[in-house]
């Protein structure tokens, strides 16, 4: 099909009563999520734990499938991964966290940052597409369903326009959530990279919410909603191209923000309650080993290793082992040995994340 991508802002009316009503609901849910997140003193806990969850779900949309167990058995610092898919999921989480750091520092979501994100995901610096031949095909039939722009100059022009639209609010006074839906569709339609467009586009969604201060930390679980509604996601992406069905697309994305904000509120609340329970149990039953740093480490990753305790608490290998064995005695962690390495699982946190 021959879909001509219009430059932004669009000249059609998008903010209907139905759209604005949904946007208001989504904003309210985001505000509640933002508030509950700030009630957890150490934001790094959520950034580490939830960015990995987001990475897992976003990668699954592209049929990059891994398990919680594979994720938490991997060592990103040592570059030891349980599977090739796990390596890709970790790359997504790193790209998301690096992008978040740039947004917090500079407040701009630029094409240079988008290029850096994609380079982290794909481990190459191919940049925007320069050669023709890219087409999106139905995986089952092999039929071409959409042909994105083919010429490098066109891609550069459209990405320049998108960069301006993202960062210059004077160009358009749409609600930022409406803008986010349009930005996501525009990026996926430009399809500027040879690979990694879907995952890059979903990272842009999260970073845009942080840029517009609708979130302070990148914790919104939007990829899960897309994964659960994958057929509708692709159908509505395409329906904008074939039928100009922008309102259906925007309503789909707004509903996704609303639903996943509530899901994430429940998850963050669950993490907060678990932290309190573990804190009281350690202080009551093993007061000599209690510290806030120990508690934070137990919730930064469902799996803890002796080496992590050594580094965070600045204690010896022997002391770290003793601490973890003490936590086993009060049923807060369980020990699992894989090869030569021992992993200490925060069972309650693992269960919470698996059921979320």
C-alpha atoms as a PDB file:
ATOM      1  CA  UNK A   1       0.000   0.000   0.000  1.00  0.00           C
ATOM      2  CA  UNK A   2       1.116   3.578  -0.614  1.00  0.00           C
ATOM      3  CA  UNK A   3       0.795   5.513   2.651  1.00  0.00           C
ATOM      4  CA  UNK A   4       2.191   9.044   2.467  1.00  0.00           C
ATOM      5  CA  UNK A   5       3.447  10.147   5.884  1.00  0.00           C
ATOM      6  CA  UNK A   6       2.309  13.691   6.690  1.00  0.00           C
ATOM      7  CA  UNK A   7       4.611  16.008   8.608  1.00  0.00           C
ATOM      8  CA  UNK A   8       3.558  16.909  12.153  1.00  0.00           C
ATOM      9  CA  UNK A   9       1.465  18.459  13.529  1.00  0.00           C
ATOM     10  CA  UNK A  10      -1.457  16.921  11.673  1.00  0.00           C
ATOM     11  CA  UNK A  11      -4.171  19.252  10.422  1.00  0.00           C
ATOM     12  CA  UNK A  12      -7.072  17.021  11.528  1.00  0.00           C
ATOM     13  CA  UNK A  13      -9.044  17.315  14.779  1.00  0.00           C
ATOM     14  CA  UNK A  14      -7.890  14.673  17.246  1.00  0.00           C
ATOM     15  CA  UNK A  15      -9.061  15.962  20.614  1.00  0.00           C
ATOM     16  CA  UNK A  16     -12.680  14.877  20.537  1.00  0.00           C
ATOM     17  CA  UNK A  17     -14.753  14.621  23.728  1.00  0.00           C
ATOM     18  CA  UNK A  18     -14.148  10.874  23.864  1.00  0.00           C
ATOM     19  CA  UNK A  19     -10.378  11.317  23.462  1.00  0.00           C
ATOM     20  CA  UNK A  20     -10.162  14.053  26.093  1.00  0.00           C
ATOM     21  CA  UNK A  21     -12.260  12.016  28.526  1.00  0.00           C
ATOM     22  CA  UNK A  22      -9.914   9.054  28.135  1.00  0.00           C
ATOM     23  CA  UNK A  23      -6.884  11.348  28.407  1.00  0.00           C
ATOM     24  CA  UNK A  24      -8.198  12.757  31.708  1.00  0.00           C
ATOM     25  CA  UNK A  25      -8.575   9.225  33.118  1.00  0.00           C
ATOM     26  CA  UNK A  26      -5.074   8.334  31.999  1.00  0.00           C
ATOM     27  CA  UNK A  27      -3.612  11.514  33.513  1.00  0.00           C
ATOM     28  CA  UNK A  28      -5.290  10.772  36.837  1.00  0.00           C
ATOM     29  CA  UNK A  29      -3.863   7.240  36.870  1.00  0.00           C
ATOM     30  CA  UNK A  30      -0.381   8.540  35.974  1.00  0.00           C
ATOM     31  CA  UNK A  31      -0.549  11.114  38.776  1.00  0.00           C
ATOM     32  CA  UNK A  32      -1.459   8.364  41.251  1.00  0.00           C
ATOM     33  CA  UNK A  33       1.402   6.210  39.968  1.00  0.00           C
ATOM     34  CA  UNK A  34       3.827   9.131  40.209  1.00  0.00           C
ATOM     35  CA  UNK A  35       2.781   9.649  43.825  1.00  0.00           C
ATOM     36  CA  UNK A  36       3.133   6.022  44.911  1.00  0.00           C
ATOM     37  CA  UNK A  37       6.551   5.780  43.249  1.00  0.00           C
ATOM     38  CA  UNK A  38       7.853   8.756  45.240  1.00  0.00           C
ATOM     39  CA  UNK A  39       6.843   6.987  48.467  1.00  0.00           C
ATOM     40  CA  UNK A  40       9.684   4.495  47.908  1.00  0.00           C
ATOM     41  CA  UNK A  41      12.867   6.226  49.144  1.00  0.00           C
ATOM     42  CA  UNK A  42      15.328   4.503  46.805  1.00  0.00           C
ATOM     43  CA  UNK A  43      14.128   5.068  43.230  1.00  0.00           C
ATOM     44  CA  UNK A  44      16.917   2.857  41.852  1.00  0.00           C
ATOM     45  CA  UNK A  45      15.029  -0.181  43.150  1.00  0.00           C
ATOM     46  CA  UNK A  46      12.102   0.453  40.811  1.00  0.00           C
ATOM     47  CA  UNK A  47      14.264   1.596  37.917  1.00  0.00           C
ATOM     48  CA  UNK A  48      16.322  -1.613  38.071  1.00  0.00           C
ATOM     49  CA  UNK A  49      13.496  -4.041  38.708  1.00  0.00           C
ATOM     50  CA  UNK A  50      10.735  -2.575  36.539  1.00  0.00           C
ATOM     51  CA  UNK A  51      12.935  -1.607  33.592  1.00  0.00           C
ATOM     52  CA  UNK A  52      13.885  -5.270  33.304  1.00  0.00           C
ATOM     53  CA  UNK A  53      10.206  -6.224  33.385  1.00  0.00           C
ATOM     54  CA  UNK A  54       9.465  -3.645  30.678  1.00  0.00           C
ATOM     55  CA  UNK A  55      12.410  -4.939  28.643  1.00  0.00           C
ATOM     56  CA  UNK A  56      11.121  -8.508  28.882  1.00  0.00           C
ATOM     57  CA  UNK A  57       7.612  -7.580  27.717  1.00  0.00           C
ATOM     58  CA  UNK A  58       8.737  -5.212  24.953  1.00  0.00           C
ATOM     59  CA  UNK A  59      11.142  -7.788  23.574  1.00  0.00           C
ATOM     60  CA  UNK A  60       8.405 -10.439  23.649  1.00  0.00           C
ATOM     61  CA  UNK A  61       6.397  -8.330  21.189  1.00  0.00           C
ATOM     62  CA  UNK A  62       9.239  -8.956  18.726  1.00  0.00           C
ATOM     63  CA  UNK A  63       9.222 -12.688  19.597  1.00  0.00           C
ATOM     64  CA  UNK A  64      12.379 -12.338  21.712  1.00  0.00           C
ATOM     65  CA  UNK A  65      11.265 -14.648  24.504  1.00  0.00           C
ATOM     66  CA  UNK A  66      13.026 -15.194  27.813  1.00  0.00           C
ATOM     67  CA  UNK A  67      12.029 -16.158  31.346  1.00  0.00           C
ATOM     68  CA  UNK A  68      12.337 -14.390  34.683  1.00  0.00           C
ATOM     69  CA  UNK A  69      14.700 -17.125  35.788  1.00  0.00           C
ATOM     70  CA  UNK A  70      17.014 -16.589  32.795  1.00  0.00           C
ATOM     71  CA  UNK A  71      16.991 -12.836  33.359  1.00  0.00           C
ATOM     72  CA  UNK A  72      17.951 -12.924  36.991  1.00  0.00           C
ATOM     73  CA  UNK A  73      20.592 -15.628  36.514  1.00  0.00           C
ATOM     74  CA  UNK A  74      22.401 -13.409  34.020  1.00  0.00           C
ATOM     75  CA  UNK A  75      25.258 -11.121  34.964  1.00  0.00           C
ATOM     76  CA  UNK A  76      25.174  -7.988  32.829  1.00  0.00           C
ATOM     77  CA  UNK A  77      28.395  -6.578  34.305  1.00  0.00           C
ATOM     78  CA  UNK A  78      30.357  -9.724  33.446  1.00  0.00           C
ATOM     79  CA  UNK A  79      28.394 -10.015  30.162  1.00  0.00           C
ATOM     80  CA  UNK A  80      27.322 -13.529  31.068  1.00  0.00           C
ATOM     81  CA  UNK A  81      23.814 -14.238  29.770  1.00  0.00           C
ATOM     82  CA  UNK A  82      21.603 -17.289  30.177  1.00  0.00           C
ATOM     83  CA  UNK A  83      20.514 -17.151  26.513  1.00  0.00           C
ATOM     84  CA  UNK A  84      20.829 -14.930  23.394  1.00  0.00           C
ATOM     85  CA  UNK A  85      17.297 -13.625  24.021  1.00  0.00           C
ATOM     86  CA  UNK A  86      18.276 -12.676  27.566  1.00  0.00           C
ATOM     87  CA  UNK A  87      21.207 -10.677  26.204  1.00  0.00           C
ATOM     88  CA  UNK A  88      18.795  -8.695  23.996  1.00  0.00           C
ATOM     89  CA  UNK A  89      16.443  -8.041  26.905  1.00  0.00           C
ATOM     90  CA  UNK A  90      19.307  -6.705  29.003  1.00  0.00           C
ATOM     91  CA  UNK A  91      20.375  -4.477  26.104  1.00  0.00           C
ATOM     92  CA  UNK A  92      16.843  -3.019  26.099  1.00  0.00           C
ATOM     93  CA  UNK A  93      16.954  -2.356  29.850  1.00  0.00           C
ATOM     94  CA  UNK A  94      20.369  -0.675  29.540  1.00  0.00           C
ATOM     95  CA  UNK A  95      19.193   1.464  26.597  1.00  0.00           C
ATOM     96  CA  UNK A  96      16.111   2.519  28.572  1.00  0.00           C
ATOM     97  CA  UNK A  97      18.109   3.454  31.670  1.00  0.00           C
ATOM     98  CA  UNK A  98      20.745   5.326  29.628  1.00  0.00           C
ATOM     99  CA  UNK A  99      18.026   7.238  27.781  1.00  0.00           C
ATOM    100  CA  UNK A 100      16.364   8.086  31.083  1.00  0.00           C
ATOM    101  CA  UNK A 101      19.642   9.510  32.410  1.00  0.00           C
ATOM    102  CA  UNK A 102      19.962  11.755  29.344  1.00  0.00           C
ATOM    103  CA  UNK A 103      16.358  12.976  29.611  1.00  0.00           C
ATOM    104  CA  UNK A 104      16.818  13.807  33.307  1.00  0.00           C
ATOM    105  CA  UNK A 105      19.998  15.725  32.545  1.00  0.00           C
ATOM    106  CA  UNK A 106      19.101  17.542  29.318  1.00  0.00           C
ATOM    107  CA  UNK A 107      15.298  17.425  29.096  1.00  0.00           C
ATOM    108  CA  UNK A 108      15.392  16.806  25.338  1.00  0.00           C
ATOM    109  CA  UNK A 109      14.467  13.704  23.357  1.00  0.00           C
ATOM    110  CA  UNK A 110      16.622  14.223  20.282  1.00  0.00           C
ATOM    111  CA  UNK A 111      17.444  12.154  17.214  1.00  0.00           C
ATOM    112  CA  UNK A 112      20.967  11.716  18.574  1.00  0.00           C
ATOM    113  CA  UNK A 113      19.495  10.065  21.673  1.00  0.00           C
ATOM    114  CA  UNK A 114      17.189   7.901  19.540  1.00  0.00           C
ATOM    115  CA  UNK A 115      20.221   6.809  17.492  1.00  0.00           C
ATOM    116  CA  UNK A 116      22.100   5.952  20.702  1.00  0.00           C
ATOM    117  CA  UNK A 117      19.170   3.886  21.985  1.00  0.00           C
ATOM    118  CA  UNK A 118      18.923   1.864  18.775  1.00  0.00           C
ATOM    119  CA  UNK A 119      22.714   1.381  18.673  1.00  0.00           C
ATOM    120  CA  UNK A 120      22.608  -0.043  22.217  1.00  0.00           C
ATOM    121  CA  UNK A 121      19.774  -2.395  21.263  1.00  0.00           C
ATOM    122  CA  UNK A 122      21.355  -3.699  18.072  1.00  0.00           C
ATOM    123  CA  UNK A 123      25.040  -3.365  18.987  1.00  0.00           C
ATOM    124  CA  UNK A 124      25.807  -1.488  15.785  1.00  0.00           C
ATOM    125  CA  UNK A 125      25.952   2.086  14.537  1.00  0.00           C
ATOM    126  CA  UNK A 126      24.182   1.612  11.218  1.00  0.00           C
ATOM    127  CA  UNK A 127      22.104   4.735  11.911  1.00  0.00           C
ATOM    128  CA  UNK A 128      19.023   5.701   9.919  1.00  0.00           C
ATOM    129  CA  UNK A 129      18.271   3.623   6.825  1.00  0.00           C
ATOM    130  CA  UNK A 130      20.032   4.795   3.660  1.00  0.00           C
ATOM    131  CA  UNK A 131      19.282   1.944   1.243  1.00  0.00           C
ATOM    132  CA  UNK A 132      15.876   0.968  -0.235  1.00  0.00           C
ATOM    133  CA  UNK A 133      14.342  -2.465   0.152  1.00  0.00           C
ATOM    134  CA  UNK A 134      12.730  -2.408   3.599  1.00  0.00           C
ATOM    135  CA  UNK A 135       9.157  -3.732   3.770  1.00  0.00           C
ATOM    136  CA  UNK A 136       6.958  -4.920   6.635  1.00  0.00           C
ATOM    137  CA  UNK A 137       5.475  -8.342   5.949  1.00  0.00           C
ATOM    138  CA  UNK A 138       2.850 -10.603   7.439  1.00  0.00           C
ATOM    139  CA  UNK A 139       4.856 -13.247   9.314  1.00  0.00           C
ATOM    140  CA  UNK A 140       2.379 -15.988   8.430  1.00  0.00           C
ATOM    141  CA  UNK A 141       1.718 -15.284   4.722  1.00  0.00           C
ATOM    142  CA  UNK A 142       4.809 -13.317   3.709  1.00  0.00           C
ATOM    143  CA  UNK A 143       2.550 -10.646   2.187  1.00  0.00           C
ATOM    144  CA  UNK A 144       3.858  -7.070   2.285  1.00  0.00           C
ATOM    145  CA  UNK A 145       1.500  -5.081   4.507  1.00  0.00           C
ATOM    146  CA  UNK A 146       3.365  -1.773   4.581  1.00  0.00           C
ATOM    147  CA  UNK A 147       6.300  -0.187   2.774  1.00  0.00           C
ATOM    148  CA  UNK A 148       7.929   2.614   4.801  1.00  0.00           C
ATOM    149  CA  UNK A 149       9.862   5.487   3.193  1.00  0.00           C
ATOM    150  CA  UNK A 150      12.682   4.122   1.069  1.00  0.00           C
ATOM    151  CA  UNK A 151      15.026   7.072   0.555  1.00  0.00           C
ATOM    152  CA  UNK A 152      17.539   8.251   3.145  1.00  0.00           C
ATOM    153  CA  UNK A 153      16.744  11.921   2.502  1.00  0.00           C
ATOM    154  CA  UNK A 154      13.032  11.341   3.171  1.00  0.00           C
ATOM    155  CA  UNK A 155      13.775   9.493   6.411  1.00  0.00           C
ATOM    156  CA  UNK A 156      16.108  12.279   7.569  1.00  0.00           C
ATOM    157  CA  UNK A 157      13.463  14.936   6.784  1.00  0.00           C
ATOM    158  CA  UNK A 158      10.664  13.092   8.579  1.00  0.00           C
ATOM    159  CA  UNK A 159      12.831  12.314  11.609  1.00  0.00           C
ATOM    160  CA  UNK A 160      13.879  15.969  11.777  1.00  0.00           C
ATOM    161  CA  UNK A 161      10.226  16.977  11.754  1.00  0.00           C
ATOM    162  CA  UNK A 162       9.447  14.378  14.438  1.00  0.00           C
ATOM    163  CA  UNK A 163      12.298  15.623  16.641  1.00  0.00           C
ATOM    164  CA  UNK A 164      10.915  19.166  16.448  1.00  0.00           C
ATOM    165  CA  UNK A 165       7.387  17.957  17.198  1.00  0.00           C
ATOM    166  CA  UNK A 166       8.568  16.044  20.261  1.00  0.00           C
ATOM    167  CA  UNK A 167      10.550  18.894  21.797  1.00  0.00           C
ATOM    168  CA  UNK A 168       8.781  22.106  20.704  1.00  0.00           C
ATOM    169  CA  UNK A 169       5.410  22.383  22.463  1.00  0.00           C
ATOM    170  CA  UNK A 170       4.782  25.733  20.788  1.00  0.00           C
ATOM    171  CA  UNK A 171       4.212  23.871  17.513  1.00  0.00           C
ATOM    172  CA  UNK A 172       1.134  22.083  18.882  1.00  0.00           C
ATOM    173  CA  UNK A 173      -1.014  22.407  22.002  1.00  0.00           C
ATOM    174  CA  UNK A 174      -2.371  18.846  22.028  1.00  0.00           C
ATOM    175  CA  UNK A 175      -2.554  16.959  25.301  1.00  0.00           C
ATOM    176  CA  UNK A 176       0.858  15.266  25.800  1.00  0.00           C
ATOM    177  CA  UNK A 177      -0.711  11.798  25.874  1.00  0.00           C
ATOM    178  CA  UNK A 178      -2.382  12.460  22.531  1.00  0.00           C
ATOM    179  CA  UNK A 179       0.983  13.654  21.256  1.00  0.00           C
ATOM    180  CA  UNK A 180       2.640  10.485  22.553  1.00  0.00           C
ATOM    181  CA  UNK A 181       0.193   8.320  20.588  1.00  0.00           C
ATOM    182  CA  UNK A 182       0.864  10.318  17.419  1.00  0.00           C
ATOM    183  CA  UNK A 183       4.630  10.267  17.987  1.00  0.00           C
ATOM    184  CA  UNK A 184       4.609   6.486  18.378  1.00  0.00           C
ATOM    185  CA  UNK A 185       2.627   5.947  15.191  1.00  0.00           C
ATOM    186  CA  UNK A 186       4.774   8.408  13.255  1.00  0.00           C
ATOM    187  CA  UNK A 187       8.014   6.771  14.396  1.00  0.00           C
ATOM    188  CA  UNK A 188       6.812   3.254  13.592  1.00  0.00           C
ATOM    189  CA  UNK A 189       5.589   4.415  10.168  1.00  0.00           C
ATOM    190  CA  UNK A 190       8.868   6.137   9.327  1.00  0.00           C
ATOM    191  CA  UNK A 191      10.569   2.911  10.462  1.00  0.00           C
ATOM    192  CA  UNK A 192      13.911   4.707  10.341  1.00  0.00           C
ATOM    193  CA  UNK A 193      16.181   1.784  11.230  1.00  0.00           C
ATOM    194  CA  UNK A 194      17.009  -1.509   9.568  1.00  0.00           C
ATOM    195  CA  UNK A 195      16.301  -3.281  12.894  1.00  0.00           C
ATOM    196  CA  UNK A 196      15.052  -2.418  16.376  1.00  0.00           C
ATOM    197  CA  UNK A 197      12.285   0.009  15.405  1.00  0.00           C
ATOM    198  CA  UNK A 198       9.593  -1.502  17.639  1.00  0.00           C
ATOM    199  CA  UNK A 199      11.693  -1.630  20.787  1.00  0.00           C
ATOM    200  CA  UNK A 200      13.188   1.817  20.143  1.00  0.00           C
ATOM    201  CA  UNK A 201       9.691   3.236  19.641  1.00  0.00           C
ATOM    202  CA  UNK A 202       8.476   1.806  22.937  1.00  0.00           C
ATOM    203  CA  UNK A 203      11.462   3.262  24.794  1.00  0.00           C
ATOM    204  CA  UNK A 204      10.607   6.643  23.230  1.00  0.00           C
ATOM    205  CA  UNK A 205       7.099   6.323  24.737  1.00  0.00           C
ATOM    206  CA  UNK A 206       8.469   5.987  28.273  1.00  0.00           C
ATOM    207  CA  UNK A 207      11.088   8.698  27.871  1.00  0.00           C
ATOM    208  CA  UNK A 208       8.482  11.093  26.491  1.00  0.00           C
ATOM    209  CA  UNK A 209       6.337  10.626  29.606  1.00  0.00           C
ATOM    210  CA  UNK A 210       9.385  11.433  31.749  1.00  0.00           C
ATOM    211  CA  UNK A 211      10.278  14.419  29.564  1.00  0.00           C
ATOM    212  CA  UNK A 212       6.761  15.835  30.002  1.00  0.00           C
ATOM    213  CA  UNK A 213       7.011  15.175  33.779  1.00  0.00           C
ATOM    214  CA  UNK A 214       4.047  12.835  33.755  1.00  0.00           C
ATOM    215  CA  UNK A 215       6.422  10.349  35.387  1.00  0.00           C
ATOM    216  CA  UNK A 216       9.581  10.930  37.393  1.00  0.00           C
ATOM    217  CA  UNK A 217      10.955   7.466  36.733  1.00  0.00           C
ATOM    218  CA  UNK A 218      10.562   5.086  33.756  1.00  0.00           C
ATOM    219  CA  UNK A 219       8.170   2.631  35.365  1.00  0.00           C
ATOM    220  CA  UNK A 220       5.061   2.575  33.158  1.00  0.00           C
ATOM    221  CA  UNK A 221       4.407  -0.972  31.978  1.00  0.00           C
ATOM    222  CA  UNK A 222       3.026  -0.104  28.503  1.00  0.00           C
ATOM    223  CA  UNK A 223       4.651  -3.007  26.655  1.00  0.00           C
ATOM    224  CA  UNK A 224       2.613  -5.528  28.626  1.00  0.00           C
ATOM    225  CA  UNK A 225      -0.622  -3.927  27.390  1.00  0.00           C
ATOM    226  CA  UNK A 226       0.656  -3.997  23.809  1.00  0.00           C
ATOM    227  CA  UNK A 227       1.711  -7.618  24.218  1.00  0.00           C
ATOM    228  CA  UNK A 228      -1.700  -8.586  25.593  1.00  0.00           C
ATOM    229  CA  UNK A 229      -3.421  -6.735  22.728  1.00  0.00           C
ATOM    230  CA  UNK A 230      -0.851  -7.449  20.018  1.00  0.00           C
ATOM    231  CA  UNK A 231      -3.327  -8.117  17.218  1.00  0.00           C
ATOM    232  CA  UNK A 232      -5.209  -4.868  17.891  1.00  0.00           C
ATOM    233  CA  UNK A 233      -1.951  -2.947  18.162  1.00  0.00           C
ATOM    234  CA  UNK A 234      -0.803  -3.957  14.679  1.00  0.00           C
ATOM    235  CA  UNK A 235      -4.299  -3.749  13.213  1.00  0.00           C
ATOM    236  CA  UNK A 236      -4.784  -0.179  14.435  1.00  0.00           C
ATOM    237  CA  UNK A 237      -1.286   0.894  13.384  1.00  0.00           C
ATOM    238  CA  UNK A 238      -2.230  -0.237   9.907  1.00  0.00           C
ATOM    239  CA  UNK A 239      -5.774   1.142  10.001  1.00  0.00           C
ATOM    240  CA  UNK A 240      -4.418   4.679  10.406  1.00  0.00           C
ATOM    241  CA  UNK A 241      -2.483   4.131   7.175  1.00  0.00           C
ATOM    242  CA  UNK A 242      -5.377   2.619   5.239  1.00  0.00           C
ATOM    243  CA  UNK A 243      -8.405   4.454   6.698  1.00  0.00           C
ATOM    244  CA  UNK A 244      -6.961   7.500   8.482  1.00  0.00           C
ATOM    245  CA  UNK A 245      -8.349   6.005  11.723  1.00  0.00           C
ATOM    246  CA  UNK A 246      -6.386   8.233  14.064  1.00  0.00           C
ATOM    247  CA  UNK A 247      -9.069   8.420  16.748  1.00  0.00           C
ATOM    248  CA  UNK A 248      -9.242   4.639  17.181  1.00  0.00           C
ATOM    249  CA  UNK A 249      -5.460   4.492  17.480  1.00  0.00           C
ATOM    250  CA  UNK A 250      -5.274   7.302  20.024  1.00  0.00           C
ATOM    251  CA  UNK A 251      -8.097   5.837  22.122  1.00  0.00           C
ATOM    252  CA  UNK A 252      -6.276   2.471  22.113  1.00  0.00           C
ATOM    253  CA  UNK A 253      -3.053   4.044  23.395  1.00  0.00           C
ATOM    254  CA  UNK A 254      -4.846   6.163  26.034  1.00  0.00           C
ATOM    255  CA  UNK A 255      -6.653   3.090  27.318  1.00  0.00           C
ATOM    256  CA  UNK A 256      -3.283   1.359  27.478  1.00  0.00           C
ATOM    257  CA  UNK A 257      -1.772   4.147  29.571  1.00  0.00           C
ATOM    258  CA  UNK A 258      -4.768   4.041  31.918  1.00  0.00           C
ATOM    259  CA  UNK A 259      -4.751   0.263  32.362  1.00  0.00           C
ATOM    260  CA  UNK A 260      -1.012  -0.162  32.761  1.00  0.00           C
ATOM    261  CA  UNK A 261      -0.735   2.766  35.163  1.00  0.00           C
ATOM    262  CA  UNK A 262      -3.191   0.975  37.449  1.00  0.00           C
ATOM    263  CA  UNK A 263      -1.367  -2.342  37.040  1.00  0.00           C
ATOM    264  CA  UNK A 264       1.932  -0.665  37.878  1.00  0.00           C
ATOM    265  CA  UNK A 265       0.399   1.072  40.919  1.00  0.00           C
ATOM    266  CA  UNK A 266      -0.588  -2.362  42.239  1.00  0.00           C
ATOM    267  CA  UNK A 267       2.890  -3.739  41.531  1.00  0.00           C
ATOM    268  CA  UNK A 268       4.729  -0.828  43.164  1.00  0.00           C
ATOM    269  CA  UNK A 269       2.377  -0.964  46.151  1.00  0.00           C
ATOM    270  CA  UNK A 270       3.117  -4.691  46.446  1.00  0.00           C
ATOM    271  CA  UNK A 271       6.880  -4.041  46.354  1.00  0.00           C
ATOM    272  CA  UNK A 272       6.504  -1.341  49.007  1.00  0.00           C
ATOM    273  CA  UNK A 273       4.533  -3.639  51.338  1.00  0.00           C
ATOM    274  CA  UNK A 274       7.018  -6.491  50.830  1.00  0.00           C
ATOM    275  CA  UNK A 275       9.919  -4.190  51.688  1.00  0.00           C
ATOM    276  CA  UNK A 276       8.204  -3.204  54.927  1.00  0.00           C
ATOM    277  CA  UNK A 277       7.535  -6.842  55.830  1.00  0.00           C
ATOM    278  CA  UNK A 278      11.131  -7.859  55.116  1.00  0.00           C
ATOM    279  CA  UNK A 279      12.459  -4.851  57.008  1.00  0.00           C
ATOM    280  CA  UNK A 280      10.511  -5.723  60.156  1.00  0.00           C
ATOM    281  CA  UNK A 281      11.390  -9.410  59.920  1.00  0.00           C
ATOM    282  CA  UNK A 282      15.136  -8.761  59.611  1.00  0.00           C
ATOM    283  CA  UNK A 283      15.111  -6.139  62.389  1.00  0.00           C
ATOM    284  CA  UNK A 284      13.101  -8.395  64.703  1.00  0.00           C
ATOM    285  CA  UNK A 285      14.809 -11.717  64.025  1.00  0.00           C
ATOM    286  CA  UNK A 286      18.298 -10.827  62.758  1.00  0.00           C
ATOM    287  CA  UNK A 287      18.911  -7.263  64.013  1.00  0.00           C
ATOM    288  CA  UNK A 288      22.705  -7.545  63.868  1.00  0.00           C
ATOM    289  CA  UNK A 289      22.733  -7.826  60.075  1.00  0.00           C
ATOM    290  CA  UNK A 290      19.995  -5.280  59.301  1.00  0.00           C
ATOM    291  CA  UNK A 291      20.790  -2.213  57.203  1.00  0.00           C
ATOM    292  CA  UNK A 292      18.827  -0.181  54.700  1.00  0.00           C
ATOM    293  CA  UNK A 293      21.483  -0.950  52.097  1.00  0.00           C
ATOM    294  CA  UNK A 294      20.925  -4.682  52.596  1.00  0.00           C
ATOM    295  CA  UNK A 295      17.161  -4.256  52.229  1.00  0.00           C
ATOM    296  CA  UNK A 296      17.580  -2.144  49.086  1.00  0.00           C
ATOM    297  CA  UNK A 297      19.859  -4.746  47.528  1.00  0.00           C
ATOM    298  CA  UNK A 298      17.349  -7.544  48.181  1.00  0.00           C
ATOM    299  CA  UNK A 299      14.735  -5.584  46.224  1.00  0.00           C
ATOM    300  CA  UNK A 300      16.928  -4.216  43.434  1.00  0.00           C
ATOM    301  CA  UNK A 301      17.052  -7.700  41.871  1.00  0.00           C
ATOM    302  CA  UNK A 302      15.151 -10.857  42.821  1.00  0.00           C
ATOM    303  CA  UNK A 303      18.471 -12.716  42.759  1.00  0.00           C
ATOM    304  CA  UNK A 304      21.328 -11.626  45.022  1.00  0.00           C
ATOM    305  CA  UNK A 305      24.902 -12.876  44.777  1.00  0.00           C
ATOM    306  CA  UNK A 306      27.594 -12.880  47.431  1.00  0.00           C
ATOM    307  CA  UNK A 307      29.732 -10.553  45.308  1.00  0.00           C
ATOM    308  CA  UNK A 308      26.933  -7.988  45.190  1.00  0.00           C
ATOM    309  CA  UNK A 309      26.729  -7.943  48.967  1.00  0.00           C
ATOM    310  CA  UNK A 310      30.501  -7.513  49.215  1.00  0.00           C
ATOM    311  CA  UNK A 311      30.403  -4.489  46.924  1.00  0.00           C
ATOM    312  CA  UNK A 312      27.287  -2.771  48.318  1.00  0.00           C
ATOM    313  CA  UNK A 313      27.924  -3.341  52.036  1.00  0.00           C
ATOM    314  CA  UNK A 314      31.716  -3.180  51.808  1.00  0.00           C
ATOM    315  CA  UNK A 315      32.113  -6.403  53.769  1.00  0.00           C
ATOM    316  CA  UNK A 316      34.161  -9.555  53.233  1.00  0.00           C
ATOM    317  CA  UNK A 317      33.099 -12.611  51.243  1.00  0.00           C
ATOM    318  CA  UNK A 318      32.771 -14.543  54.475  1.00  0.00           C
ATOM    319  CA  UNK A 319      30.558 -11.888  56.084  1.00  0.00           C
ATOM    320  CA  UNK A 320      28.393 -11.644  52.952  1.00  0.00           C
ATOM    321  CA  UNK A 321      27.875 -15.405  53.012  1.00  0.00           C
ATOM    322  CA  UNK A 322      26.960 -15.290  56.686  1.00  0.00           C
ATOM    323  CA  UNK A 323      24.391 -12.537  56.054  1.00  0.00           C
ATOM    324  CA  UNK A 324      22.725 -14.494  53.265  1.00  0.00           C
ATOM    325  CA  UNK A 325      22.677 -17.702  55.288  1.00  0.00           C
ATOM    326  CA  UNK A 326      20.989 -15.752  58.109  1.00  0.00           C
ATOM    327  CA  UNK A 327      18.303 -14.615  55.648  1.00  0.00           C
ATOM    328  CA  UNK A 328      17.754 -18.246  54.608  1.00  0.00           C
ATOM    329  CA  UNK A 329      17.150 -19.155  58.255  1.00  0.00           C
ATOM    330  CA  UNK A 330      14.224 -16.723  58.462  1.00  0.00           C
ATOM    331  CA  UNK A 331      12.802 -17.730  55.058  1.00  0.00           C
ATOM    332  CA  UNK A 332      13.464 -14.447  53.246  1.00  0.00           C
ATOM    333  CA  UNK A 333      15.714 -15.953  50.571  1.00  0.00           C
ATOM    334  CA  UNK A 334      16.430 -19.420  49.213  1.00  0.00           C
ATOM    335  CA  UNK A 335      19.758 -20.628  47.852  1.00  0.00           C
ATOM    336  CA  UNK A 336      20.134 -22.002  44.328  1.00  0.00           C
ATOM    337  CA  UNK A 337      23.397 -23.234  42.824  1.00  0.00           C
ATOM    338  CA  UNK A 338      23.988 -23.135  39.075  1.00  0.00           C
ATOM    339  CA  UNK A 339      27.424 -24.327  38.077  1.00  0.00           C
ATOM    340  CA  UNK A 340      29.874 -22.755  40.490  1.00  0.00           C
ATOM    341  CA  UNK A 341      27.688 -19.777  41.307  1.00  0.00           C
ATOM    342  CA  UNK A 342      25.201 -19.483  44.144  1.00  0.00           C
ATOM    343  CA  UNK A 343      22.115 -17.301  43.811  1.00  0.00           C
ATOM    344  CA  UNK A 344      19.955 -16.186  46.709  1.00  0.00           C
ATOM    345  CA  UNK A 345      16.379 -15.626  45.578  1.00  0.00           C
ATOM    346  CA  UNK A 346      14.013 -13.155  47.209  1.00  0.00           C
ATOM    347  CA  UNK A 347      11.103 -15.579  46.808  1.00  0.00           C
ATOM    348  CA  UNK A 348       8.337 -13.125  47.694  1.00  0.00           C
ATOM    349  CA  UNK A 349       9.579 -10.536  45.209  1.00  0.00           C
ATOM    350  CA  UNK A 350      10.033 -13.182  42.517  1.00  0.00           C
ATOM    351  CA  UNK A 351       6.461 -14.373  43.036  1.00  0.00           C
ATOM    352  CA  UNK A 352       5.116 -10.824  42.932  1.00  0.00           C
ATOM    353  CA  UNK A 353       6.899 -10.031  39.651  1.00  0.00           C
ATOM    354  CA  UNK A 354       5.924 -13.344  38.067  1.00  0.00           C
ATOM    355  CA  UNK A 355       2.240 -12.887  38.940  1.00  0.00           C
ATOM    356  CA  UNK A 356       2.086  -9.179  38.094  1.00  0.00           C
END
